[in-house]
Amino acid sequence: MVEHNKDEQLDHIFHALADTTRREMVRMIASHDRTVSELAEPFHMSLAAASKHIKVLERSGLLERSIQGRTHMCRLNPRTMSRAMEWLQFYERLWNVQFDALERELNKAKKEEH
């Protein structure tokens, strides 16, 4: 059951990151917290449209929203981003092992040729 929850969280993370606008929003909040208005402004979108993107990011856990008076502040949740990075790094290591083995075989074949 725990593995299913982890898979589901990864599904939400990669779904959220699949959209260009949401990736840009993540990039924006990586440097410092932003308001919903600040996140919407570069895209010339309504606050309602920006809010929909933000809700997807919240559902994935990439973004956390806090309310200060009437202002909604958004910040990056680095723990969630690290979950996605762990998953990607597993496959990076797997492919690096495969590429290293291929390189050894190609070097071996090259030496045998000469």
PDB file of N, CA and C in Angstrom:
ATOM      1  N   MET A   1       0.821  -1.201   0.000  1.00  0.00           N
ATOM      2  CA  MET A   1       0.000   0.000   0.000  1.00  0.00           C
ATOM      3  C   MET A   1       0.862   1.260   0.000  1.00  0.00           C
ATOM      4  N   VAL A   2       1.957   1.242   0.721  1.00  0.00           N
ATOM      5  CA  VAL A   2       2.842   2.396   0.783  1.00  0.00           C
ATOM      6  C   VAL A   2       3.435   2.684  -0.595  1.00  0.00           C
ATOM      7  N   GLU A   3       3.850   1.647  -1.334  1.00  0.00           N
ATOM      8  CA  GLU A   3       4.413   1.826  -2.670  1.00  0.00           C
ATOM      9  C   GLU A   3       3.402   2.485  -3.595  1.00  0.00           C
ATOM     10  N   HIS A   4       2.130   2.098  -3.482  1.00  0.00           N
ATOM     11  CA  HIS A   4       1.097   2.699  -4.321  1.00  0.00           C
ATOM     12  C   HIS A   4       1.024   4.202  -4.060  1.00  0.00           C
ATOM     13  N   ASN A   5       1.081   4.611  -2.795  1.00  0.00           N
ATOM     14  CA  ASN A   5       1.039   6.035  -2.453  1.00  0.00           C
ATOM     15  C   ASN A   5       2.236   6.776  -3.029  1.00  0.00           C
ATOM     16  N   LYS A   6       3.421   6.149  -2.990  1.00  0.00           N
ATOM     17  CA  LYS A   6       4.614   6.772  -3.564  1.00  0.00           C
ATOM     18  C   LYS A   6       4.465   6.915  -5.067  1.00  0.00           C
ATOM     19  N   ASP A   7       3.945   5.880  -5.722  1.00  0.00           N
ATOM     20  CA  ASP A   7       3.723   5.942  -7.167  1.00  0.00           C
ATOM     21  C   ASP A   7       2.711   7.020  -7.507  1.00  0.00           C
ATOM     22  N   GLU A   8       1.674   7.110  -6.719  1.00  0.00           N
ATOM     23  CA  GLU A   8       0.641   8.114  -6.960  1.00  0.00           C
ATOM     24  C   GLU A   8       1.224   9.520  -6.801  1.00  0.00           C
ATOM     25  N   GLN A   9       2.067   9.709  -5.787  1.00  0.00           N
ATOM     26  CA  GLN A   9       2.698  11.013  -5.589  1.00  0.00           C
ATOM     27  C   GLN A   9       3.589  11.360  -6.781  1.00  0.00           C
ATOM     28  N   LEU A  10       4.359  10.390  -7.259  1.00  0.00           N
ATOM     29  CA  LEU A  10       5.195  10.633  -8.437  1.00  0.00           C
ATOM     30  C   LEU A  10       4.345  10.961  -9.659  1.00  0.00           C
ATOM     31  N   ASP A  11       3.216  10.288  -9.811  1.00  0.00           N
ATOM     32  CA  ASP A  11       2.298  10.602 -10.918  1.00  0.00           C
ATOM     33  C   ASP A  11       1.875  12.065 -10.861  1.00  0.00           C
ATOM     34  N   HIS A  12       1.530  12.532  -9.657  1.00  0.00           N
ATOM     35  CA  HIS A  12       1.100  13.922  -9.489  1.00  0.00           C
ATOM     36  C   HIS A  12       2.258  14.890  -9.762  1.00  0.00           C
ATOM     37  N   ILE A  13       3.443  14.539  -9.301  1.00  0.00           N
ATOM     38  CA  ILE A  13       4.615  15.405  -9.502  1.00  0.00           C
ATOM     39  C   ILE A  13       4.910  15.558 -10.993  1.00  0.00           C
ATOM     40  N   PHE A  14       5.015  14.418 -11.695  1.00  0.00           N
ATOM     41  CA  PHE A  14       5.372  14.499 -13.105  1.00  0.00           C
ATOM     42  C   PHE A  14       4.237  15.078 -13.955  1.00  0.00           C
ATOM     43  N   HIS A  15       3.000  14.856 -13.541  1.00  0.00           N
ATOM     44  CA  HIS A  15       1.874  15.509 -14.222  1.00  0.00           C
ATOM     45  C   HIS A  15       1.994  17.026 -14.076  1.00  0.00           C
ATOM     46  N   ALA A  16       2.286  17.479 -12.865  1.00  0.00           N
ATOM     47  CA  ALA A  16       2.423  18.917 -12.618  1.00  0.00           C
ATOM     48  C   ALA A  16       3.570  19.507 -13.428  1.00  0.00           C
ATOM     49  N   LEU A  17       4.682  18.794 -13.504  1.00  0.00           N
ATOM     50  CA  LEU A  17       5.857  19.299 -14.214  1.00  0.00           C
ATOM     51  C   LEU A  17       5.755  19.152 -15.730  1.00  0.00           C
ATOM     52  N   ALA A  18       4.751  18.446 -16.198  1.00  0.00           N
ATOM     53  CA  ALA A  18       4.585  18.248 -17.639  1.00  0.00           C
ATOM     54  C   ALA A  18       4.130  19.527 -18.349  1.00  0.00           C
ATOM     55  N   ASP A  19       3.624  20.473 -17.601  1.00  0.00           N
ATOM     56  CA  ASP A  19       3.114  21.705 -18.184  1.00  0.00           C
ATOM     57  C   ASP A  19       4.162  22.814 -18.103  1.00  0.00           C
ATOM     58  N   THR A  20       4.391  23.492 -19.216  1.00  0.00           N
ATOM     59  CA  THR A  20       5.398  24.560 -19.300  1.00  0.00           C
ATOM     60  C   THR A  20       5.137  25.682 -18.298  1.00  0.00           C
ATOM     61  N   THR A  21       3.894  26.093 -18.178  1.00  0.00           N
ATOM     62  CA  THR A  21       3.543  27.180 -17.258  1.00  0.00           C
ATOM     63  C   THR A  21       3.863  26.783 -15.823  1.00  0.00           C
ATOM     64  N   ARG A  22       3.495  25.572 -15.448  1.00  0.00           N
ATOM     65  CA  ARG A  22       3.752  25.134 -14.069  1.00  0.00           C
ATOM     66  C   ARG A  22       5.244  24.978 -13.805  1.00  0.00           C
ATOM     67  N   ARG A  23       6.005  24.496 -14.803  1.00  0.00           N
ATOM     68  CA  ARG A  23       7.465  24.408 -14.618  1.00  0.00           C
ATOM     69  C   ARG A  23       8.051  25.792 -14.390  1.00  0.00           C
ATOM     70  N   GLU A  24       7.566  26.764 -15.118  1.00  0.00           N
ATOM     71  CA  GLU A  24       8.053  28.142 -14.944  1.00  0.00           C
ATOM     72  C   GLU A  24       7.667  28.668 -13.567  1.00  0.00           C
ATOM     73  N   MET A  25       6.469  28.345 -13.102  1.00  0.00           N
ATOM     74  CA  MET A  25       6.052  28.759 -11.761  1.00  0.00           C
ATOM     75  C   MET A  25       6.966  28.140 -10.697  1.00  0.00           C
ATOM     76  N   VAL A  26       7.311  26.874 -10.878  1.00  0.00           N
ATOM     77  CA  VAL A  26       8.227  26.207  -9.933  1.00  0.00           C
ATOM     78  C   VAL A  26       9.579  26.916  -9.952  1.00  0.00           C
ATOM     79  N   ARG A  27      10.061  27.254 -11.154  1.00  0.00           N
ATOM     80  CA  ARG A  27      11.337  27.955 -11.266  1.00  0.00           C
ATOM     81  C   ARG A  27      11.268  29.296 -10.529  1.00  0.00           C
ATOM     82  N   MET A  28      10.141  29.982 -10.667  1.00  0.00           N
ATOM     83  CA  MET A  28       9.980  31.286 -10.029  1.00  0.00           C
ATOM     84  C   MET A  28       9.994  31.189  -8.508  1.00  0.00           C
ATOM     85  N   ILE A  29       9.317  30.180  -7.962  1.00  0.00           N
ATOM     86  CA  ILE A  29       9.263  30.076  -6.497  1.00  0.00           C
ATOM     87  C   ILE A  29      10.496  29.402  -5.923  1.00  0.00           C
ATOM     88  N   ALA A  30      11.356  28.864  -6.779  1.00  0.00           N
ATOM     89  CA  ALA A  30      12.591  28.243  -6.284  1.00  0.00           C
ATOM     90  C   ALA A  30      13.507  29.300  -5.670  1.00  0.00           C
ATOM     91  N   SER A  31      13.492  30.514  -6.218  1.00  0.00           N
ATOM     92  CA  SER A  31      14.374  31.565  -5.706  1.00  0.00           C
ATOM     93  C   SER A  31      13.812  32.242  -4.460  1.00  0.00           C
ATOM     94  N   HIS A  32      12.497  32.451  -4.420  1.00  0.00           N
ATOM     95  CA  HIS A  32      11.844  32.998  -3.223  1.00  0.00           C
ATOM     96  C   HIS A  32      10.323  32.884  -3.349  1.00  0.00           C
ATOM     97  N   ASP A  33       9.661  32.981  -2.218  1.00  0.00           N
ATOM     98  CA  ASP A  33       8.199  32.877  -2.180  1.00  0.00           C
ATOM     99  C   ASP A  33       7.577  33.939  -3.085  1.00  0.00           C
ATOM    100  N   ARG A  34       6.428  33.590  -3.669  1.00  0.00           N
ATOM    101  CA  ARG A  34       5.721  34.511  -4.562  1.00  0.00           C
ATOM    102  C   ARG A  34       4.239  34.500  -4.226  1.00  0.00           C
ATOM    103  N   THR A  35       3.590  35.595  -4.536  1.00  0.00           N
ATOM    104  CA  THR A  35       2.139  35.643  -4.407  1.00  0.00           C
ATOM    105  C   THR A  35       1.523  35.031  -5.662  1.00  0.00           C
ATOM    106  N   VAL A  36       0.244  34.707  -5.581  1.00  0.00           N
ATOM    107  CA  VAL A  36      -0.472  34.187  -6.747  1.00  0.00           C
ATOM    108  C   VAL A  36      -0.410  35.218  -7.878  1.00  0.00           C
ATOM    109  N   SER A  37      -0.560  36.487  -7.551  1.00  0.00           N
ATOM    110  CA  SER A  37      -0.489  37.552  -8.564  1.00  0.00           C
ATOM    111  C   SER A  37       0.876  37.570  -9.247  1.00  0.00           C
ATOM    112  N   GLU A  38       1.937  37.417  -8.469  1.00  0.00           N
ATOM    113  CA  GLU A  38       3.295  37.403  -9.046  1.00  0.00           C
ATOM    114  C   GLU A  38       3.488  36.202  -9.960  1.00  0.00           C
ATOM    115  N   LEU A  39       2.896  35.074  -9.574  1.00  0.00           N
ATOM    116  CA  LEU A  39       3.015  33.885 -10.422  1.00  0.00           C
ATOM    117  C   LEU A  39       2.206  34.031 -11.708  1.00  0.00           C
ATOM    118  N   ALA A  40       1.082  34.720 -11.647  1.00  0.00           N
ATOM    119  CA  ALA A  40       0.223  34.882 -12.821  1.00  0.00           C
ATOM    120  C   ALA A  40       0.767  35.922 -13.792  1.00  0.00           C
ATOM    121  N   GLU A  41       1.418  36.950 -13.283  1.00  0.00           N
ATOM    122  CA  GLU A  41       1.795  38.126 -14.061  1.00  0.00           C
ATOM    123  C   GLU A  41       2.613  37.829 -15.326  1.00  0.00           C
ATOM    124  N   PRO A  42       3.665  37.029 -15.298  1.00  0.00           N
ATOM    125  CA  PRO A  42       4.443  36.828 -16.530  1.00  0.00           C
ATOM    126  C   PRO A  42       3.659  36.127 -17.642  1.00  0.00           C
ATOM    127  N   PHE A  43       2.595  35.459 -17.288  1.00  0.00           N
ATOM    128  CA  PHE A  43       1.820  34.691 -18.261  1.00  0.00           C
ATOM    129  C   PHE A  43       0.600  35.461 -18.762  1.00  0.00           C
ATOM    130  N   HIS A  44       0.382  36.654 -18.226  1.00  0.00           N
ATOM    131  CA  HIS A  44      -0.760  37.471 -18.613  1.00  0.00           C
ATOM    132  C   HIS A  44      -2.051  36.654 -18.534  1.00  0.00           C
ATOM    133  N   MET A  45      -2.201  35.962 -17.398  1.00  0.00           N
ATOM    134  CA  MET A  45      -3.402  35.149 -17.187  1.00  0.00           C
ATOM    135  C   MET A  45      -4.165  35.687 -15.995  1.00  0.00           C
ATOM    136  N   SER A  46      -5.411  35.318 -15.921  1.00  0.00           N
ATOM    137  CA  SER A  46      -6.243  35.737 -14.796  1.00  0.00           C
ATOM    138  C   SER A  46      -5.780  35.032 -13.531  1.00  0.00           C
ATOM    139  N   LEU A  47      -6.163  35.583 -12.409  1.00  0.00           N
ATOM    140  CA  LEU A  47      -5.839  34.938 -11.133  1.00  0.00           C
ATOM    141  C   LEU A  47      -6.527  33.584 -11.028  1.00  0.00           C
ATOM    142  N   ALA A  48      -7.710  33.469 -11.626  1.00  0.00           N
ATOM    143  CA  ALA A  48      -8.428  32.180 -11.608  1.00  0.00           C
ATOM    144  C   ALA A  48      -7.644  31.122 -12.381  1.00  0.00           C
ATOM    145  N   ALA A  49      -7.110  31.484 -13.536  1.00  0.00           N
ATOM    146  CA  ALA A  49      -6.326  30.529 -14.332  1.00  0.00           C
ATOM    147  C   ALA A  49      -5.036  30.161 -13.601  1.00  0.00           C
ATOM    148  N   ALA A  50      -4.373  31.155 -13.022  1.00  0.00           N
ATOM    149  CA  ALA A  50      -3.147  30.883 -12.263  1.00  0.00           C
ATOM    150  C   ALA A  50      -3.454  29.984 -11.076  1.00  0.00           C
ATOM    151  N   SER A  51      -4.585  30.232 -10.439  1.00  0.00           N
ATOM    152  CA  SER A  51      -4.981  29.431  -9.283  1.00  0.00           C
ATOM    153  C   SER A  51      -5.168  27.960  -9.651  1.00  0.00           C
ATOM    154  N   LYS A  52      -5.672  27.692 -10.849  1.00  0.00           N
ATOM    155  CA  LYS A  52      -5.835  26.303 -11.294  1.00  0.00           C
ATOM    156  C   LYS A  52      -4.473  25.618 -11.418  1.00  0.00           C
ATOM    157  N   HIS A  53      -3.510  26.328 -11.987  1.00  0.00           N
ATOM    158  CA  HIS A  53      -2.153  25.773 -12.084  1.00  0.00           C
ATOM    159  C   HIS A  53      -1.558  25.548 -10.689  1.00  0.00           C
ATOM    160  N   ILE A  54      -1.775  26.505  -9.825  1.00  0.00           N
ATOM    161  CA  ILE A  54      -1.236  26.414  -8.468  1.00  0.00           C
ATOM    162  C   ILE A  54      -1.857  25.238  -7.722  1.00  0.00           C
ATOM    163  N   LYS A  55      -3.140  24.992  -7.933  1.00  0.00           N
ATOM    164  CA  LYS A  55      -3.789  23.848  -7.285  1.00  0.00           C
ATOM    165  C   LYS A  55      -3.180  22.529  -7.742  1.00  0.00           C
ATOM    166  N   VAL A  56      -2.823  22.428  -9.019  1.00  0.00           N
ATOM    167  CA  VAL A  56      -2.161  21.214  -9.515  1.00  0.00           C
ATOM    168  C   VAL A  56      -0.806  21.062  -8.831  1.00  0.00           C
ATOM    169  N   LEU A  57      -0.067  22.163  -8.701  1.00  0.00           N
ATOM    170  CA  LEU A  57       1.229  22.116  -8.023  1.00  0.00           C
ATOM    171  C   LEU A  57       1.076  21.776  -6.540  1.00  0.00           C
ATOM    172  N   GLU A  58       0.031  22.290  -5.930  1.00  0.00           N
ATOM    173  CA  GLU A  58      -0.246  21.961  -4.520  1.00  0.00           C
ATOM    174  C   GLU A  58      -0.583  20.482  -4.364  1.00  0.00           C
ATOM    175  N   ARG A  59      -1.440  19.965  -5.235  1.00  0.00           N
ATOM    176  CA  ARG A  59      -1.845  18.558  -5.173  1.00  0.00           C
ATOM    177  C   ARG A  59      -0.626  17.640  -5.290  1.00  0.00           C
ATOM    178  N   SER A  60       0.338  18.062  -6.094  1.00  0.00           N
ATOM    179  CA  SER A  60       1.544  17.256  -6.272  1.00  0.00           C
ATOM    180  C   SER A  60       2.471  17.359  -5.067  1.00  0.00           C
ATOM    181  N   GLY A  61       2.287  18.394  -4.268  1.00  0.00           N
ATOM    182  CA  GLY A  61       3.156  18.619  -3.119  1.00  0.00           C
ATOM    183  C   GLY A  61       4.360  19.494  -3.440  1.00  0.00           C
ATOM    184  N   LEU A  62       4.492  19.916  -4.692  1.00  0.00           N
ATOM    185  CA  LEU A  62       5.632  20.756  -5.080  1.00  0.00           C
ATOM    186  C   LEU A  62       5.538  22.162  -4.504  1.00  0.00           C
ATOM    187  N   LEU A  63       4.325  22.609  -4.285  1.00  0.00           N
ATOM    188  CA  LEU A  63       4.091  23.971  -3.837  1.00  0.00           C
ATOM    189  C   LEU A  63       3.239  23.948  -2.584  1.00  0.00           C
ATOM    190  N   GLU A  64       3.568  24.821  -1.660  1.00  0.00           N
ATOM    191  CA  GLU A  64       2.742  25.001  -0.462  1.00  0.00           C
ATOM    192  C   GLU A  64       2.247  26.435  -0.462  1.00  0.00           C
ATOM    193  N   ARG A  65       0.976  26.606  -0.120  1.00  0.00           N
ATOM    194  CA  ARG A  65       0.378  27.940  -0.111  1.00  0.00           C
ATOM    195  C   ARG A  65       0.006  28.298   1.318  1.00  0.00           C
ATOM    196  N   SER A  66       0.327  29.518   1.704  1.00  0.00           N
ATOM    197  CA  SER A  66      -0.111  30.019   3.002  1.00  0.00           C
ATOM    198  C   SER A  66      -0.851  31.326   2.757  1.00  0.00           C
ATOM    199  N   ILE A  67      -1.758  31.645   3.656  1.00  0.00           N
ATOM    200  CA  ILE A  67      -2.567  32.849   3.495  1.00  0.00           C
ATOM    201  C   ILE A  67      -2.178  33.834   4.588  1.00  0.00           C
ATOM    202  N   GLN A  68      -1.794  35.028   4.137  1.00  0.00           N
ATOM    203  CA  GLN A  68      -1.435  36.115   5.052  1.00  0.00           C
ATOM    204  C   GLN A  68      -2.388  37.266   4.762  1.00  0.00           C
ATOM    205  N   GLY A  69      -3.435  37.331   5.559  1.00  0.00           N
ATOM    206  CA  GLY A  69      -4.490  38.312   5.293  1.00  0.00           C
ATOM    207  C   GLY A  69      -5.228  37.902   4.027  1.00  0.00           C
ATOM    208  N   ARG A  70      -5.191  38.796   3.018  1.00  0.00           N
ATOM    209  CA  ARG A  70      -5.836  38.484   1.736  1.00  0.00           C
ATOM    210  C   ARG A  70      -4.830  37.980   0.703  1.00  0.00           C
ATOM    211  N   THR A  71      -3.578  37.885   1.105  1.00  0.00           N
ATOM    212  CA  THR A  71      -2.516  37.497   0.181  1.00  0.00           C
ATOM    213  C   THR A  71      -2.204  36.012   0.316  1.00  0.00           C
ATOM    214  N   HIS A  72      -2.184  35.335  -0.807  1.00  0.00           N
ATOM    215  CA  HIS A  72      -1.822  33.924  -0.841  1.00  0.00           C
ATOM    216  C   HIS A  72      -0.357  33.827  -1.255  1.00  0.00           C
ATOM    217  N   MET A  73       0.479  33.334  -0.354  1.00  0.00           N
ATOM    218  CA  MET A  73       1.912  33.194  -0.623  1.00  0.00           C
ATOM    219  C   MET A  73       2.200  31.741  -1.009  1.00  0.00           C
ATOM    220  N   CYS A  74       3.025  31.565  -2.034  1.00  0.00           N
ATOM    221  CA  CYS A  74       3.374  30.236  -2.534  1.00  0.00           C
ATOM    222  C   CYS A  74       4.873  30.016  -2.344  1.00  0.00           C
ATOM    223  N   ARG A  75       5.210  28.825  -1.869  1.00  0.00           N
ATOM    224  CA  ARG A  75       6.624  28.494  -1.716  1.00  0.00           C
ATOM    225  C   ARG A  75       6.853  27.065  -2.175  1.00  0.00           C
ATOM    226  N   LEU A  76       8.075  26.804  -2.580  1.00  0.00           N
ATOM    227  CA  LEU A  76       8.460  25.484  -3.058  1.00  0.00           C
ATOM    228  C   LEU A  76       8.630  24.532  -1.886  1.00  0.00           C
ATOM    229  N   ASN A  77       8.201  23.295  -2.063  1.00  0.00           N
ATOM    230  CA  ASN A  77       8.437  22.248  -1.071  1.00  0.00           C
ATOM    231  C   ASN A  77       9.588  21.390  -1.600  1.00  0.00           C
ATOM    232  N   PRO A  78      10.806  21.620  -1.118  1.00  0.00           N
ATOM    233  CA  PRO A  78      11.962  20.900  -1.662  1.00  0.00           C
ATOM    234  C   PRO A  78      11.924  19.390  -1.415  1.00  0.00           C
ATOM    235  N   ARG A  79      11.233  18.941  -0.388  1.00  0.00           N
ATOM    236  CA  ARG A  79      11.147  17.493  -0.125  1.00  0.00           C
ATOM    237  C   ARG A  79      10.466  16.771  -1.277  1.00  0.00           C
ATOM    238  N   THR A  80       9.428  17.382  -1.811  1.00  0.00           N
ATOM    239  CA  THR A  80       8.712  16.761  -2.927  1.00  0.00           C
ATOM    240  C   THR A  80       9.571  16.750  -4.177  1.00  0.00           C
ATOM    241  N   MET A  81      10.266  17.841  -4.426  1.00  0.00           N
ATOM    242  CA  MET A  81      11.147  17.897  -5.587  1.00  0.00           C
ATOM    243  C   MET A  81      12.249  16.843  -5.448  1.00  0.00           C
ATOM    244  N   SER A  82      12.729  16.626  -4.251  1.00  0.00           N
ATOM    245  CA  SER A  82      13.781  15.617  -4.062  1.00  0.00           C
ATOM    246  C   SER A  82      13.251  14.207  -4.316  1.00  0.00           C
ATOM    247  N   ARG A  83      11.960  13.954  -4.072  1.00  0.00           N
ATOM    248  CA  ARG A  83      11.355  12.646  -4.401  1.00  0.00           C
ATOM    249  C   ARG A  83      11.457  12.374  -5.894  1.00  0.00           C
ATOM    250  N   ALA A  84      11.133  13.393  -6.689  1.00  0.00           N
ATOM    251  CA  ALA A  84      11.224  13.246  -8.147  1.00  0.00           C
ATOM    252  C   ALA A  84      12.684  13.053  -8.557  1.00  0.00           C
ATOM    253  N   MET A  85      13.586  13.785  -7.932  1.00  0.00           N
ATOM    254  CA  MET A  85      15.011  13.663  -8.263  1.00  0.00           C
ATOM    255  C   MET A  85      15.540  12.275  -7.908  1.00  0.00           C
ATOM    256  N   GLU A  86      15.118  11.729  -6.790  1.00  0.00           N
ATOM    257  CA  GLU A  86      15.537  10.371  -6.413  1.00  0.00           C
ATOM    258  C   GLU A  86      15.119   9.367  -7.478  1.00  0.00           C
ATOM    259  N   TRP A  87      13.900   9.500  -7.953  1.00  0.00           N
ATOM    260  CA  TRP A  87      13.389   8.585  -8.972  1.00  0.00           C
ATOM    261  C   TRP A  87      14.206   8.724 -10.252  1.00  0.00           C
ATOM    262  N   LEU A  88      14.466   9.950 -10.668  1.00  0.00           N
ATOM    263  CA  LEU A  88      15.251  10.191 -11.884  1.00  0.00           C
ATOM    264  C   LEU A  88      16.692   9.709 -11.726  1.00  0.00           C
ATOM    265  N   GLN A  89      17.276   9.920 -10.544  1.00  0.00           N
ATOM    266  CA  GLN A  89      18.664   9.517 -10.319  1.00  0.00           C
ATOM    267  C   GLN A  89      18.827   8.004 -10.358  1.00  0.00           C
ATOM    268  N   PHE A  90      17.816   7.261  -9.926  1.00  0.00           N
ATOM    269  CA  PHE A  90      17.883   5.807 -10.023  1.00  0.00           C
ATOM    270  C   PHE A  90      18.096   5.404 -11.482  1.00  0.00           C
ATOM    271  N   TYR A  91      17.310   5.997 -12.371  1.00  0.00           N
ATOM    272  CA  TYR A  91      17.426   5.647 -13.793  1.00  0.00           C
ATOM    273  C   TYR A  91      18.691   6.231 -14.423  1.00  0.00           C
ATOM    274  N   GLU A  92      19.132   7.353 -13.914  1.00  0.00           N
ATOM    275  CA  GLU A  92      20.404   7.908 -14.391  1.00  0.00           C
ATOM    276  C   GLU A  92      21.542   6.938 -14.071  1.00  0.00           C
ATOM    277  N   ARG A  93      21.569   6.419 -12.847  1.00  0.00           N
ATOM    278  CA  ARG A  93      22.610   5.449 -12.465  1.00  0.00           C
ATOM    279  C   ARG A  93      22.508   4.189 -13.315  1.00  0.00           C
ATOM    280  N   LEU A  94      21.290   3.717 -13.535  1.00  0.00           N
ATOM    281  CA  LEU A  94      21.076   2.524 -14.351  1.00  0.00           C
ATOM    282  C   LEU A  94      21.635   2.728 -15.758  1.00  0.00           C
ATOM    283  N   TRP A  95      21.314   3.856 -16.378  1.00  0.00           N
ATOM    284  CA  TRP A  95      21.796   4.120 -17.740  1.00  0.00           C
ATOM    285  C   TRP A  95      23.296   4.358 -17.759  1.00  0.00           C
ATOM    286  N   ASN A  96      23.834   5.000 -16.726  1.00  0.00           N
ATOM    287  CA  ASN A  96      25.286   5.203 -16.676  1.00  0.00           C
ATOM    288  C   ASN A  96      26.025   3.874 -16.642  1.00  0.00           C
ATOM    289  N   VAL A  97      25.511   2.914 -15.899  1.00  0.00           N
ATOM    290  CA  VAL A  97      26.114   1.576 -15.857  1.00  0.00           C
ATOM    291  C   VAL A  97      26.069   0.955 -17.252  1.00  0.00           C
ATOM    292  N   GLN A  98      24.932   1.089 -17.920  1.00  0.00           N
ATOM    293  CA  GLN A  98      24.791   0.529 -19.263  1.00  0.00           C
ATOM    294  C   GLN A  98      25.735   1.211 -20.256  1.00  0.00           C
ATOM    295  N   PHE A  99      25.834   2.525 -20.191  1.00  0.00           N
ATOM    296  CA  PHE A  99      26.723   3.254 -21.097  1.00  0.00           C
ATOM    297  C   PHE A  99      28.190   2.955 -20.809  1.00  0.00           C
ATOM    298  N   ASP A 100      28.533   2.795 -19.530  1.00  0.00           N
ATOM    299  CA  ASP A 100      29.915   2.423 -19.176  1.00  0.00           C
ATOM    300  C   ASP A 100      30.263   1.054 -19.749  1.00  0.00           C
ATOM    301  N   ALA A 101      29.339   0.112 -19.659  1.00  0.00           N
ATOM    302  CA  ALA A 101      29.572  -1.230 -20.214  1.00  0.00           C
ATOM    303  C   ALA A 101      29.716  -1.156 -21.731  1.00  0.00           C
ATOM    304  N   LEU A 102      28.888  -0.362 -22.377  1.00  0.00           N
ATOM    305  CA  LEU A 102      28.988  -0.193 -23.824  1.00  0.00           C
ATOM    306  C   LEU A 102      30.334   0.420 -24.199  1.00  0.00           C
ATOM    307  N   GLU A 103      30.753   1.422 -23.455  1.00  0.00           N
ATOM    308  CA  GLU A 103      32.042   2.070 -23.733  1.00  0.00           C
ATOM    309  C   GLU A 103      33.196   1.077 -23.597  1.00  0.00           C
ATOM    310  N   ARG A 104      33.150   0.240 -22.577  1.00  0.00           N
ATOM    311  CA  ARG A 104      34.203  -0.784 -22.402  1.00  0.00           C
ATOM    312  C   ARG A 104      34.228  -1.732 -23.596  1.00  0.00           C
ATOM    313  N   GLU A 105      33.059  -2.167 -24.039  1.00  0.00           N
ATOM    314  CA  GLU A 105      32.982  -3.085 -25.180  1.00  0.00           C
ATOM    315  C   GLU A 105      33.489  -2.424 -26.463  1.00  0.00           C
ATOM    316  N   LEU A 106      33.133  -1.169 -26.670  1.00  0.00           N
ATOM    317  CA  LEU A 106      33.596  -0.464 -27.861  1.00  0.00           C
ATOM    318  C   LEU A 106      35.114  -0.265 -27.829  1.00  0.00           C
ATOM    319  N   ASN A 107      35.652   0.068 -26.664  1.00  0.00           N
ATOM    320  CA  ASN A 107      37.105   0.220 -26.530  1.00  0.00           C
ATOM    321  C   ASN A 107      37.815  -1.113 -26.752  1.00  0.00           C
ATOM    322  N   LYS A 108      37.221  -2.170 -26.231  1.00  0.00           N
ATOM    323  CA  LYS A 108      37.783  -3.514 -26.404  1.00  0.00           C
ATOM    324  C   LYS A 108      37.805  -3.891 -27.897  1.00  0.00           C
ATOM    325  N   ALA A 109      36.697  -3.623 -28.583  1.00  0.00           N
ATOM    326  CA  ALA A 109      36.612  -3.927 -30.014  1.00  0.00           C
ATOM    327  C   ALA A 109      37.593  -3.085 -30.813  1.00  0.00           C
ATOM    328  N   LYS A 110      37.769  -1.840 -30.414  1.00  0.00           N
ATOM    329  CA  LYS A 110      38.706  -0.944 -31.105  1.00  0.00           C
ATOM    330  C   LYS A 110      40.142  -1.452 -30.956  1.00  0.00           C
ATOM    331  N   LYS A 111      40.497  -1.930 -29.754  1.00  0.00           N
ATOM    332  CA  LYS A 111      41.834  -2.459 -29.501  1.00  0.00           C
ATOM    333  C   LYS A 111      42.080  -3.732 -30.301  1.00  0.00           C
ATOM    334  N   GLU A 112      41.061  -4.564 -30.408  1.00  0.00           N
ATOM    335  CA  GLU A 112      41.178  -5.804 -31.167  1.00  0.00           C
ATOM    336  C   GLU A 112      41.336  -5.543 -32.659  1.00  0.00           C
ATOM    337  N   GLU A 113      40.772  -4.424 -33.119  1.00  0.00           N
ATOM    338  CA  GLU A 113      40.866  -4.051 -34.520  1.00  0.00           C
ATOM    339  C   GLU A 113      42.314  -3.701 -34.897  1.00  0.00           C
ATOM    340  N   HIS A 114      42.995  -3.079 -33.981  1.00  0.00           N
ATOM    341  CA  HIS A 114      44.361  -2.647 -34.244  1.00  0.00           C
ATOM    342  C   HIS A 114      45.284  -3.746 -33.882  1.00  0.00           C
TER     343      HIS A 114
END
